[in-house]
Amino acid sequence: MPDGHAARQVDRRVDEGGFKDSRFSYELIRATCYAPYGGAEMVALAEQRVAKYGERAHVFVGDVAVIAAPDASFDIVVDYDIIHHIPPWPQALHEIARVLRPGGSFYFEDLFRAFISAWPIRALFDHPQATQFTAAEFRTELEATGLSVCQWRELGTWGVMGCADK
C-alpha cells in the first residue's frame, strides 16, 4: 500500500452486510476490521471515528500487499477504491484472503481500467495506469485466493461493489 495509508481495527463483529446507494451499510456488532484509508488526514479521521471504542479499536499504517498481521486475524476487510492503487494488486487480494478468519468477509468497492483510463479521469486524477484491472481480472483473482464471491454488482465497465467470503 502506498505510504500514508492506514487501517482501522475494530473489536466488533458484522451482523448483516449489504449495500445502499453505492455505499456499504452494515451493522457492526463484534468484529475485527481492516479498512485501508489514504493520507494523514484520513488517518486522523479514522482515529476520531474509532475513538468511541476505546481500547477495542486501533488505527495503524500498513502495506495491504504485506499485511503485518497473523493468518486469520480479521473478521472483515474493506476495500473502498484502494486496490486499483496497489501495484501488486493480486498480491494484495491474496494477503486479504490470508488475514481473513474462516467465515470472514471482504467487502469491496473499486474502479476498473475503463474508468481510470478514460481521458477525463486521466486529466483530473493521478491514477497509476499499470495497476488497473477489468471486472473479469478482479473476479478471477478474487476466486484464485480461495474467496467465494457472494455479492457482485458491476457499475457498467467503471467499477464494482460486492462481498467475498472465506
C-alpha atoms as a PDB file:
ATOM      1  CA  MET A   1       0.000   0.000   0.000  1.00  0.00           C
ATOM      2  CA  PRO A   2       1.392   3.478  -0.732  1.00  0.00           C
ATOM      3  CA  ASP A   3       2.817   5.413   2.222  1.00  0.00           C
ATOM      4  CA  GLY A   4       0.233   7.208   4.331  1.00  0.00           C
ATOM      5  CA  HIS A   5      -2.474   4.560   4.166  1.00  0.00           C
ATOM      6  CA  ALA A   6      -3.879   3.403   7.463  1.00  0.00           C
ATOM      7  CA  ALA A   7      -6.211   0.725   8.593  1.00  0.00           C
ATOM      8  CA  ARG A   8      -8.900   0.542  11.218  1.00  0.00           C
ATOM      9  CA  GLN A   9      -9.039  -2.434  13.521  1.00  0.00           C
ATOM     10  CA  VAL A  10     -12.282  -2.606  15.465  1.00  0.00           C
ATOM     11  CA  ASP A  11     -13.110  -5.300  18.011  1.00  0.00           C
ATOM     12  CA  ARG A  12     -16.663  -5.862  16.717  1.00  0.00           C
ATOM     13  CA  ARG A  13     -18.498  -8.465  14.593  1.00  0.00           C
ATOM     14  CA  VAL A  14     -20.574  -7.963  11.480  1.00  0.00           C
ATOM     15  CA  ASP A  15     -24.222  -8.914  11.838  1.00  0.00           C
ATOM     16  CA  GLU A  16     -25.589  -8.201   8.346  1.00  0.00           C
ATOM     17  CA  GLY A  17     -23.817  -6.996   5.226  1.00  0.00           C
ATOM     18  CA  GLY A  18     -25.450  -5.054   2.440  1.00  0.00           C
ATOM     19  CA  PHE A  19     -25.310  -2.131   0.097  1.00  0.00           C
ATOM     20  CA  LYS A  20     -27.318   1.066  -0.110  1.00  0.00           C
ATOM     21  CA  ASP A  21     -26.866   3.931  -2.549  1.00  0.00           C
ATOM     22  CA  SER A  22     -23.444   2.675  -3.724  1.00  0.00           C
ATOM     23  CA  ARG A  23     -22.101   2.746  -0.157  1.00  0.00           C
ATOM     24  CA  PHE A  24     -21.612  -0.113   2.229  1.00  0.00           C
ATOM     25  CA  SER A  25     -24.107  -0.143   5.061  1.00  0.00           C
ATOM     26  CA  TYR A  26     -23.779  -2.782   7.703  1.00  0.00           C
ATOM     27  CA  GLU A  27     -24.259  -3.020  11.422  1.00  0.00           C
ATOM     28  CA  LEU A  28     -21.040  -3.749  13.300  1.00  0.00           C
ATOM     29  CA  ILE A  29     -21.648  -5.786  16.410  1.00  0.00           C
ATOM     30  CA  ARG A  30     -18.358  -7.544  17.284  1.00  0.00           C
ATOM     31  CA  ALA A  31     -15.615  -7.857  14.680  1.00  0.00           C
ATOM     32  CA  THR A  32     -12.064  -7.132  13.816  1.00  0.00           C
ATOM     33  CA  CYS A  33     -11.932  -4.934  10.708  1.00  0.00           C
ATOM     34  CA  TYR A  34      -9.120  -3.888   8.422  1.00  0.00           C
ATOM     35  CA  ALA A  35     -10.082  -0.918   6.230  1.00  0.00           C
ATOM     36  CA  PRO A  36      -7.459   0.940   4.177  1.00  0.00           C
ATOM     37  CA  TYR A  37      -7.567   4.755   4.276  1.00  0.00           C
ATOM     38  CA  GLY A  38      -5.363   7.264   2.436  1.00  0.00           C
ATOM     39  CA  GLY A  39      -3.199  10.065   3.771  1.00  0.00           C
ATOM     40  CA  ALA A  40      -2.524  11.682   7.138  1.00  0.00           C
ATOM     41  CA  GLU A  41      -5.890  13.471   7.138  1.00  0.00           C
ATOM     42  CA  MET A  42      -7.715  10.183   6.671  1.00  0.00           C
ATOM     43  CA  VAL A  43      -5.631   8.567   9.429  1.00  0.00           C
ATOM     44  CA  ALA A  44      -6.709  11.358  11.807  1.00  0.00           C
ATOM     45  CA  LEU A  45     -10.335  10.946  10.712  1.00  0.00           C
ATOM     46  CA  ALA A  46     -10.173   7.179  11.253  1.00  0.00           C
ATOM     47  CA  GLU A  47      -8.703   7.743  14.731  1.00  0.00           C
ATOM     48  CA  GLN A  48     -11.574  10.119  15.576  1.00  0.00           C
ATOM     49  CA  ARG A  49     -14.188   7.677  14.330  1.00  0.00           C
ATOM     50  CA  VAL A  50     -12.880   4.697  16.290  1.00  0.00           C
ATOM     51  CA  ALA A  51     -12.092   6.661  19.500  1.00  0.00           C
ATOM     52  CA  LYS A  52     -15.531   5.814  20.907  1.00  0.00           C
ATOM     53  CA  TYR A  53     -14.491   2.147  21.010  1.00  0.00           C
ATOM     54  CA  GLY A  54     -11.589   2.870  23.396  1.00  0.00           C
ATOM     55  CA  GLU A  55      -9.002   0.102  23.623  1.00  0.00           C
ATOM     56  CA  ARG A  56     -11.087  -2.160  21.365  1.00  0.00           C
ATOM     57  CA  ALA A  57     -10.195  -0.087  18.291  1.00  0.00           C
ATOM     58  CA  HIS A  58      -6.858   0.857  16.764  1.00  0.00           C
ATOM     59  CA  VAL A  59      -5.689   2.768  13.706  1.00  0.00           C
ATOM     60  CA  PHE A  60      -2.411   1.763  12.118  1.00  0.00           C
ATOM     61  CA  VAL A  61      -0.484   2.367   8.908  1.00  0.00           C
ATOM     62  CA  GLY A  62       0.461  -0.631   6.809  1.00  0.00           C
ATOM     63  CA  ASP A  63       1.004  -2.208   3.415  1.00  0.00           C
ATOM     64  CA  VAL A  64      -2.002  -4.143   2.105  1.00  0.00           C
ATOM     65  CA  ALA A  65       0.297  -6.213  -0.120  1.00  0.00           C
ATOM     66  CA  VAL A  66       2.145  -7.407   3.016  1.00  0.00           C
ATOM     67  CA  ILE A  67      -0.285  -7.075   5.922  1.00  0.00           C
ATOM     68  CA  ALA A  68       1.556  -7.172   9.243  1.00  0.00           C
ATOM     69  CA  ALA A  69      -0.936  -9.499  10.915  1.00  0.00           C
ATOM     70  CA  PRO A  70      -1.095 -13.227  11.543  1.00  0.00           C
ATOM     71  CA  ASP A  71      -3.207 -15.524   9.394  1.00  0.00           C
ATOM     72  CA  ALA A  72      -6.939 -15.460  10.179  1.00  0.00           C
ATOM     73  CA  SER A  73      -6.743 -12.191  12.166  1.00  0.00           C
ATOM     74  CA  PHE A  74      -9.768 -10.296  10.837  1.00  0.00           C
ATOM     75  CA  ASP A  75     -13.487 -10.905  10.501  1.00  0.00           C
ATOM     76  CA  ILE A  76     -13.812  -8.174   7.883  1.00  0.00           C
ATOM     77  CA  VAL A  77     -11.580  -6.455   5.347  1.00  0.00           C
ATOM     78  CA  VAL A  78     -12.945  -3.424   3.490  1.00  0.00           C
ATOM     79  CA  ASP A  79     -11.624  -2.019   0.196  1.00  0.00           C
ATOM     80  CA  TYR A  80     -13.075   1.327  -0.723  1.00  0.00           C
ATOM     81  CA  ASP A  81     -11.431   2.273  -4.029  1.00  0.00           C
ATOM     82  CA  ILE A  82      -7.895   1.366  -2.922  1.00  0.00           C
ATOM     83  CA  ILE A  83      -6.893  -1.886  -4.657  1.00  0.00           C
ATOM     84  CA  HIS A  84      -6.534  -0.164  -8.064  1.00  0.00           C
ATOM     85  CA  HIS A  85      -3.736   1.960  -6.499  1.00  0.00           C
ATOM     86  CA  ILE A  86      -1.687  -1.069  -5.420  1.00  0.00           C
ATOM     87  CA  PRO A  87       0.965  -2.146  -7.964  1.00  0.00           C
ATOM     88  CA  PRO A  88       0.896  -5.782  -6.822  1.00  0.00           C
ATOM     89  CA  TRP A  89      -2.924  -5.793  -6.556  1.00  0.00           C
ATOM     90  CA  PRO A  90      -3.220  -9.597  -6.975  1.00  0.00           C
ATOM     91  CA  GLN A  91      -0.791  -9.994  -4.065  1.00  0.00           C
ATOM     92  CA  ALA A  92      -2.936  -7.582  -2.023  1.00  0.00           C
ATOM     93  CA  LEU A  93      -6.020  -9.750  -2.648  1.00  0.00           C
ATOM     94  CA  HIS A  94      -4.097 -12.846  -1.555  1.00  0.00           C
ATOM     95  CA  GLU A  95      -2.999 -11.042   1.635  1.00  0.00           C
ATOM     96  CA  ILE A  96      -6.574 -10.028   2.333  1.00  0.00           C
ATOM     97  CA  ALA A  97      -7.671 -13.654   1.983  1.00  0.00           C
ATOM     98  CA  ARG A  98      -4.793 -14.775   4.219  1.00  0.00           C
ATOM     99  CA  VAL A  99      -5.728 -12.484   7.117  1.00  0.00           C
ATOM    100  CA  LEU A 100      -9.475 -13.203   6.960  1.00  0.00           C
ATOM    101  CA  ARG A 101     -10.776 -15.659   9.526  1.00  0.00           C
ATOM    102  CA  PRO A 102     -12.830 -18.599   8.255  1.00  0.00           C
ATOM    103  CA  GLY A 103     -16.313 -17.194   7.732  1.00  0.00           C
ATOM    104  CA  GLY A 104     -14.859 -13.687   7.350  1.00  0.00           C
ATOM    105  CA  SER A 105     -15.913 -11.255   4.626  1.00  0.00           C
ATOM    106  CA  PHE A 106     -14.097  -8.972   2.206  1.00  0.00           C
ATOM    107  CA  TYR A 107     -16.305  -6.010   1.257  1.00  0.00           C
ATOM    108  CA  PHE A 108     -15.064  -4.172  -1.809  1.00  0.00           C
ATOM    109  CA  GLU A 109     -15.891  -1.212  -3.966  1.00  0.00           C
ATOM    110  CA  ASP A 110     -13.306  -0.445  -6.604  1.00  0.00           C
ATOM    111  CA  LEU A 111     -12.780   1.040 -10.044  1.00  0.00           C
ATOM    112  CA  PHE A 112     -11.971  -0.688 -13.323  1.00  0.00           C
ATOM    113  CA  ARG A 113      -9.478   0.087 -16.062  1.00  0.00           C
ATOM    114  CA  ALA A 114     -12.214   1.511 -18.336  1.00  0.00           C
ATOM    115  CA  PHE A 115     -12.958   4.262 -15.830  1.00  0.00           C
ATOM    116  CA  ILE A 116      -9.404   5.026 -14.706  1.00  0.00           C
ATOM    117  CA  SER A 117      -8.054   5.109 -18.265  1.00  0.00           C
ATOM    118  CA  ALA A 118     -10.818   7.389 -19.626  1.00  0.00           C
ATOM    119  CA  TRP A 119      -9.244  10.684 -20.731  1.00  0.00           C
ATOM    120  CA  PRO A 120     -11.221  12.955 -18.357  1.00  0.00           C
ATOM    121  CA  ILE A 121     -10.192  10.848 -15.369  1.00  0.00           C
ATOM    122  CA  ARG A 122      -6.563  10.727 -16.526  1.00  0.00           C
ATOM    123  CA  ALA A 123      -6.644  14.522 -16.913  1.00  0.00           C
ATOM    124  CA  LEU A 124      -8.165  15.139 -13.481  1.00  0.00           C
ATOM    125  CA  PHE A 125      -6.550  12.456 -11.306  1.00  0.00           C
ATOM    126  CA  ASP A 126      -3.147  10.845 -10.960  1.00  0.00           C
ATOM    127  CA  HIS A 127      -4.010   7.155 -11.012  1.00  0.00           C
ATOM    128  CA  PRO A 128      -1.341   4.607 -11.869  1.00  0.00           C
ATOM    129  CA  GLN A 129      -2.333   3.064 -15.206  1.00  0.00           C
ATOM    130  CA  ALA A 130      -0.252  -0.117 -14.865  1.00  0.00           C
ATOM    131  CA  THR A 131      -2.202  -1.295 -11.809  1.00  0.00           C
ATOM    132  CA  GLN A 132      -5.650  -1.257 -13.398  1.00  0.00           C
ATOM    133  CA  PHE A 133      -7.836  -4.306 -13.933  1.00  0.00           C
ATOM    134  CA  THR A 134     -11.081  -5.335 -15.615  1.00  0.00           C
ATOM    135  CA  ALA A 135     -14.098  -6.905 -13.909  1.00  0.00           C
ATOM    136  CA  ALA A 136     -13.086 -10.353 -15.153  1.00  0.00           C
ATOM    137  CA  GLU A 137      -9.491  -9.943 -13.937  1.00  0.00           C
ATOM    138  CA  PHE A 138     -10.583  -8.746 -10.493  1.00  0.00           C
ATOM    139  CA  ARG A 139     -13.139 -11.523 -10.018  1.00  0.00           C
ATOM    140  CA  THR A 140     -10.780 -14.212 -11.327  1.00  0.00           C
ATOM    141  CA  GLU A 141      -8.083 -13.095  -8.898  1.00  0.00           C
ATOM    142  CA  LEU A 142     -10.569 -12.946  -6.005  1.00  0.00           C
ATOM    143  CA  GLU A 143     -11.614 -16.519  -6.701  1.00  0.00           C
ATOM    144  CA  ALA A 144      -7.961 -17.590  -7.077  1.00  0.00           C
ATOM    145  CA  THR A 145      -7.408 -16.518  -3.450  1.00  0.00           C
ATOM    146  CA  GLY A 146      -9.986 -19.058  -2.313  1.00  0.00           C
ATOM    147  CA  LEU A 147     -12.612 -16.433  -1.522  1.00  0.00           C
ATOM    148  CA  SER A 148     -16.168 -17.056  -2.656  1.00  0.00           C
ATOM    149  CA  VAL A 149     -17.925 -14.087  -4.269  1.00  0.00           C
ATOM    150  CA  CYS A 150     -21.337 -13.808  -2.604  1.00  0.00           C
ATOM    151  CA  GLN A 151     -22.327 -10.328  -3.861  1.00  0.00           C
ATOM    152  CA  TRP A 152     -21.217  -8.724  -7.120  1.00  0.00           C
ATOM    153  CA  ARG A 153     -22.654  -5.555  -8.603  1.00  0.00           C
ATOM    154  CA  GLU A 154     -20.877  -4.107 -11.620  1.00  0.00           C
ATOM    155  CA  LEU A 155     -21.312  -0.409 -12.253  1.00  0.00           C
ATOM    156  CA  GLY A 156     -21.122  -0.724 -16.021  1.00  0.00           C
ATOM    157  CA  THR A 157     -17.484  -1.005 -17.079  1.00  0.00           C
ATOM    158  CA  TRP A 158     -16.446   1.557 -14.466  1.00  0.00           C
ATOM    159  CA  GLY A 159     -16.396  -0.359 -11.201  1.00  0.00           C
ATOM    160  CA  VAL A 160     -17.752  -2.966  -8.875  1.00  0.00           C
ATOM    161  CA  MET A 161     -19.013  -3.393  -5.364  1.00  0.00           C
ATOM    162  CA  GLY A 162     -19.546  -6.636  -3.620  1.00  0.00           C
ATOM    163  CA  CYS A 163     -18.551  -9.115  -0.991  1.00  0.00           C
ATOM    164  CA  ALA A 164     -16.450 -12.265  -0.964  1.00  0.00           C
ATOM    165  CA  ASP A 165     -16.471 -14.717   1.943  1.00  0.00           C
ATOM    166  CA  LYS A 166     -13.799 -17.045   3.211  1.00  0.00           C
END
